[in-house]
N, C-alpha and C. Protein backbone atom coordinates (compact mmCIF):
# COMPACT_ATOMS: atom_id res chain seq x y z
N MET A 1 -16.49 -3.22 -0.24
CA MET A 1 -15.46 -2.14 0.06
C MET A 1 -15.88 -0.89 -0.38
N ASN A 2 -15.61 0.23 0.37
CA ASN A 2 -15.93 1.55 0.16
C ASN A 2 -14.73 2.10 -0.37
N LYS A 3 -14.96 2.41 -1.72
CA LYS A 3 -13.71 2.79 -2.75
C LYS A 3 -13.38 4.15 -2.06
N THR A 4 -14.47 5.07 -1.71
CA THR A 4 -14.41 6.43 -1.12
C THR A 4 -13.27 6.56 0.11
N PHE A 5 -13.95 5.64 0.97
CA PHE A 5 -12.89 5.42 2.08
C PHE A 5 -11.44 5.31 1.75
N MET A 6 -11.54 3.94 1.20
CA MET A 6 -9.91 3.46 0.87
C MET A 6 -9.15 4.07 0.15
N SER A 7 -9.79 4.95 -0.94
CA SER A 7 -8.60 5.82 -1.61
C SER A 7 -8.51 6.96 -0.68
N GLY A 8 -9.31 7.60 0.40
CA GLY A 8 -8.90 8.44 1.41
C GLY A 8 -7.71 7.87 2.23
N TYR A 9 -8.05 6.42 2.55
CA TYR A 9 -6.61 5.63 3.15
C TYR A 9 -5.70 5.94 2.60
N TYR A 10 -5.55 5.44 1.32
CA TYR A 10 -4.14 5.46 0.54
C TYR A 10 -3.67 6.87 0.40
N GLN A 11 -4.88 8.14 0.11
CA GLN A 11 -4.20 9.22 0.38
C GLN A 11 -3.35 9.79 1.36
N GLY A 12 -4.19 9.43 2.82
CA GLY A 12 -3.72 9.87 3.92
C GLY A 12 -2.11 9.24 4.21
N VAL A 13 -1.88 7.94 3.52
CA VAL A 13 -0.71 7.47 4.05
C VAL A 13 0.47 8.26 3.00
N VAL A 14 -0.10 8.68 1.81
CA VAL A 14 0.83 9.32 0.85
C VAL A 14 1.08 10.74 1.69
N GLU A 15 0.08 11.11 2.11
CA GLU A 15 0.61 12.68 2.82
C GLU A 15 0.99 12.67 4.06
N VAL A 16 1.10 11.68 4.80
CA VAL A 16 1.83 11.66 6.38
C VAL A 16 3.28 11.01 5.94
N ALA A 17 3.42 10.63 5.12
CA ALA A 17 5.03 9.80 4.83
C ALA A 17 5.92 10.63 4.98
N PRO A 18 6.99 10.03 5.67
CA PRO A 18 8.02 11.01 5.89
C PRO A 18 8.60 11.71 4.53
N ALA A 19 8.82 13.00 4.85
CA ALA A 19 9.38 13.72 3.49
C ALA A 19 10.71 13.32 3.09
N SER A 20 11.45 12.48 3.58
CA SER A 20 12.73 12.30 3.09
C SER A 20 12.34 10.93 2.26
N LEU A 21 11.63 10.57 1.99
CA LEU A 21 10.90 9.27 1.36
C LEU A 21 11.07 9.64 -0.13
N SER A 22 11.52 8.88 -1.26
CA SER A 22 11.06 9.16 -2.68
C SER A 22 9.75 8.89 -2.83
N ALA A 23 9.35 9.37 -4.02
CA ALA A 23 8.00 9.34 -4.49
C ALA A 23 7.84 7.57 -4.68
N ALA A 24 8.60 6.88 -4.95
CA ALA A 24 8.71 5.72 -5.46
C ALA A 24 8.42 4.80 -4.01
N LYS A 25 9.27 5.25 -2.75
CA LYS A 25 9.14 4.59 -1.57
C LYS A 25 7.65 4.97 -0.98
N VAL A 26 7.30 6.28 -1.22
CA VAL A 26 6.05 6.48 -0.66
C VAL A 26 4.68 5.38 -1.35
N GLU A 27 4.67 5.61 -2.67
CA GLU A 27 3.62 4.65 -3.30
C GLU A 27 3.89 3.24 -2.77
N GLU A 28 5.35 2.84 -2.81
CA GLU A 28 5.35 1.32 -1.91
C GLU A 28 4.73 1.09 -0.38
N LEU A 29 4.79 2.22 0.15
CA LEU A 29 4.43 2.21 1.42
C LEU A 29 2.97 2.26 1.49
N ALA A 30 2.02 2.86 0.75
CA ALA A 30 0.73 3.23 0.46
C ALA A 30 0.00 1.46 0.20
N VAL A 31 0.70 1.46 -0.85
CA VAL A 31 0.26 0.11 -1.61
C VAL A 31 0.47 -1.12 -0.47
N THR A 32 1.37 -1.06 0.47
CA THR A 32 1.69 -2.25 1.26
C THR A 32 0.50 -2.30 2.11
N MET A 33 0.48 -0.82 2.69
CA MET A 33 -0.52 -0.67 3.66
C MET A 33 -2.02 -0.73 3.54
N THR A 34 -2.25 -0.41 2.07
CA THR A 34 -3.69 -0.51 1.91
C THR A 34 -3.88 -2.24 1.52
N ILE A 35 -3.06 -2.84 0.94
CA ILE A 35 -3.02 -4.14 0.93
C ILE A 35 -3.63 -4.79 2.28
N GLN A 36 -2.53 -4.44 2.90
CA GLN A 36 -2.78 -5.00 4.60
C GLN A 36 -3.92 -4.82 4.98
N HIS A 37 -4.58 -3.62 4.89
CA HIS A 37 -6.01 -3.00 5.24
C HIS A 37 -6.86 -3.99 4.86
N LEU A 38 -6.93 -3.77 3.69
CA LEU A 38 -8.21 -4.51 2.46
C LEU A 38 -7.94 -6.31 2.92
N ARG A 39 -6.67 -6.75 3.07
CA ARG A 39 -6.82 -8.22 3.16
C ARG A 39 -7.26 -8.48 4.82
N HIS A 40 -6.78 -7.63 5.74
CA HIS A 40 -7.31 -7.98 7.04
C HIS A 40 -9.27 -7.84 6.93
N ALA A 41 -9.53 -7.04 6.03
CA ALA A 41 -11.01 -6.87 6.23
C ALA A 41 -11.78 -7.67 5.42
N GLY A 42 -11.01 -8.50 4.86
CA GLY A 42 -11.43 -9.68 4.22
C GLY A 42 -11.92 -9.34 2.72
N GLU A 43 -11.36 -8.82 1.80
CA GLU A 43 -11.43 -8.43 0.69
C GLU A 43 -10.86 -9.32 -0.36
N ALA A 44 -11.21 -9.68 -1.27
CA ALA A 44 -10.32 -10.90 -2.20
C ALA A 44 -9.31 -10.15 -2.92
N VAL A 45 -8.35 -10.71 -3.15
CA VAL A 45 -7.02 -10.59 -3.46
C VAL A 45 -7.29 -9.79 -5.01
N THR A 46 -8.28 -10.32 -5.81
CA THR A 46 -8.53 -9.76 -7.15
C THR A 46 -9.22 -8.42 -7.21
N THR A 47 -10.13 -8.14 -6.19
CA THR A 47 -10.61 -7.06 -5.77
C THR A 47 -9.46 -5.70 -5.21
N ILE A 48 -8.68 -6.22 -4.32
CA ILE A 48 -7.76 -5.32 -3.96
C ILE A 48 -6.70 -5.11 -5.16
N HIS A 49 -6.07 -5.75 -6.05
CA HIS A 49 -5.73 -5.56 -7.15
C HIS A 49 -6.22 -4.80 -7.94
N ASP A 50 -7.36 -5.04 -8.36
CA ASP A 50 -8.27 -4.18 -9.34
C ASP A 50 -8.56 -2.36 -8.83
N PHE A 51 -8.45 -2.40 -7.44
CA PHE A 51 -8.88 -1.57 -6.95
C PHE A 51 -7.76 -0.48 -7.16
N LEU A 52 -6.64 -0.81 -6.72
CA LEU A 52 -4.95 -0.16 -6.46
C LEU A 52 -4.58 -0.03 -7.88
N VAL A 53 -4.84 -1.10 -8.82
CA VAL A 53 -4.36 -0.55 -10.31
C VAL A 53 -5.33 0.00 -11.20
N ASP A 54 -6.19 -0.26 -11.37
CA ASP A 54 -7.60 0.42 -11.92
C ASP A 54 -7.81 1.86 -11.35
N ASP A 55 -8.33 1.72 -10.20
CA ASP A 55 -8.96 3.09 -9.61
C ASP A 55 -8.01 4.10 -9.01
N LEU A 56 -6.93 3.46 -8.60
CA LEU A 56 -5.87 4.39 -7.89
C LEU A 56 -4.79 4.61 -8.79
N HIS A 57 -4.65 3.96 -9.78
CA HIS A 57 -3.27 3.83 -10.58
C HIS A 57 -2.40 3.47 -10.11
N ALA A 58 -2.18 2.61 -9.20
CA ALA A 58 -0.92 2.44 -8.63
C ALA A 58 0.01 1.48 -9.39
N ASP A 59 1.38 1.47 -9.52
CA ASP A 59 2.31 0.84 -10.28
C ASP A 59 1.81 -0.74 -10.25
N ALA A 60 1.41 -1.39 -11.46
CA ALA A 60 0.87 -2.72 -11.16
C ALA A 60 2.05 -3.68 -10.93
N ARG A 61 3.20 -3.62 -11.31
CA ARG A 61 4.28 -4.43 -10.85
C ARG A 61 4.57 -4.36 -9.35
N LEU A 62 4.29 -3.22 -8.74
CA LEU A 62 4.45 -2.96 -7.23
C LEU A 62 3.29 -3.75 -6.72
N VAL A 63 2.25 -3.50 -6.77
CA VAL A 63 0.89 -4.06 -6.45
C VAL A 63 1.20 -5.74 -6.76
N SER A 64 1.80 -6.47 -7.63
CA SER A 64 1.83 -7.75 -7.83
C SER A 64 2.90 -8.14 -6.92
N ARG A 65 3.96 -7.19 -6.71
CA ARG A 65 4.88 -7.98 -5.82
C ARG A 65 4.37 -7.95 -4.10
N TYR A 66 3.46 -7.40 -4.16
CA TYR A 66 3.07 -7.51 -2.54
C TYR A 66 1.47 -8.07 -2.18
N ILE A 67 0.90 -8.14 -3.43
CA ILE A 67 -0.26 -8.75 -3.38
C ILE A 67 -0.69 -10.07 -2.63
N ASN A 68 0.41 -10.82 -2.89
CA ASN A 68 0.13 -12.20 -2.02
C ASN A 68 0.93 -12.27 -0.80
N CYS A 69 1.47 -11.29 -0.24
CA CYS A 69 2.50 -11.42 0.77
C CYS A 69 1.14 -11.55 2.20
N ASN A 70 1.91 -12.04 3.06
CA ASN A 70 1.00 -12.14 4.35
C ASN A 70 1.04 -11.21 5.35
N ALA A 71 0.53 -10.78 6.43
CA ALA A 71 0.49 -9.64 7.27
C ALA A 71 2.12 -9.39 7.55
N ASP A 72 2.63 -10.48 8.27
CA ASP A 72 4.13 -10.43 8.60
C ASP A 72 5.00 -9.78 7.45
N GLU A 73 4.98 -9.99 6.22
CA GLU A 73 5.48 -9.62 5.07
C GLU A 73 5.28 -8.35 5.01
N LEU A 74 4.18 -8.15 4.82
CA LEU A 74 3.75 -6.61 4.65
C LEU A 74 4.18 -5.63 5.71
N GLU A 75 4.09 -6.09 6.89
CA GLU A 75 4.87 -5.36 8.21
C GLU A 75 6.24 -5.20 8.06
N THR A 76 6.91 -6.17 7.38
CA THR A 76 8.52 -6.00 7.43
C THR A 76 8.56 -5.01 6.28
N ALA A 77 7.90 -5.10 5.40
CA ALA A 77 8.26 -4.25 4.07
C ALA A 77 7.86 -2.78 4.40
N GLN A 78 6.87 -2.57 5.10
CA GLN A 78 6.50 -1.31 5.89
C GLN A 78 7.65 -0.67 6.63
N ALA A 79 8.12 -1.53 7.55
CA ALA A 79 9.30 -1.37 8.48
C ALA A 79 10.26 -0.82 7.86
N ARG A 80 10.81 -2.01 6.59
CA ARG A 80 12.06 -1.61 5.96
C ARG A 80 12.04 -0.20 5.20
N ILE A 81 10.80 0.30 4.81
CA ILE A 81 10.50 1.57 4.11
C ILE A 81 10.56 2.64 5.01
N LEU A 82 9.99 2.61 6.17
CA LEU A 82 10.18 3.51 7.04
C LEU A 82 11.66 3.91 7.93
N ALA A 83 12.22 2.77 7.92
CA ALA A 83 13.53 2.68 8.41
C ALA A 83 14.54 3.50 7.50
N SER A 84 14.48 3.37 5.74
CA SER A 84 14.79 4.15 5.11
C SER A 84 14.93 5.57 5.49
N ALA A 85 13.74 5.99 5.66
CA ALA A 85 13.44 7.36 5.59
C ALA A 85 14.20 7.70 6.60
N PHE A 86 15.14 7.26 7.87
CA PHE A 86 15.42 8.04 8.85
C PHE A 86 17.03 7.52 8.75
N LYS A 87 17.82 7.06 7.62
CA LYS A 87 18.98 6.71 7.67
C LYS A 87 19.63 8.11 7.33
């Protein structure tokens, strides 16, 4: 995994998230999208967890909530978060 690229990916999600989302929801969106991207790339769950928690300092409980979700569950969570921005 290219940590520089993935750090930029995470930061990019944070920067383009709708302004109406709270900071907690922005982090949740960034975590779910990063997990999905890295799982699709074939990274191990422990590698993803350690990257998010140790390198990016994402909330460990939030990462633990989504780390074992499949693609459909992650996409559903992302859709729910984005939908809440436009209510």
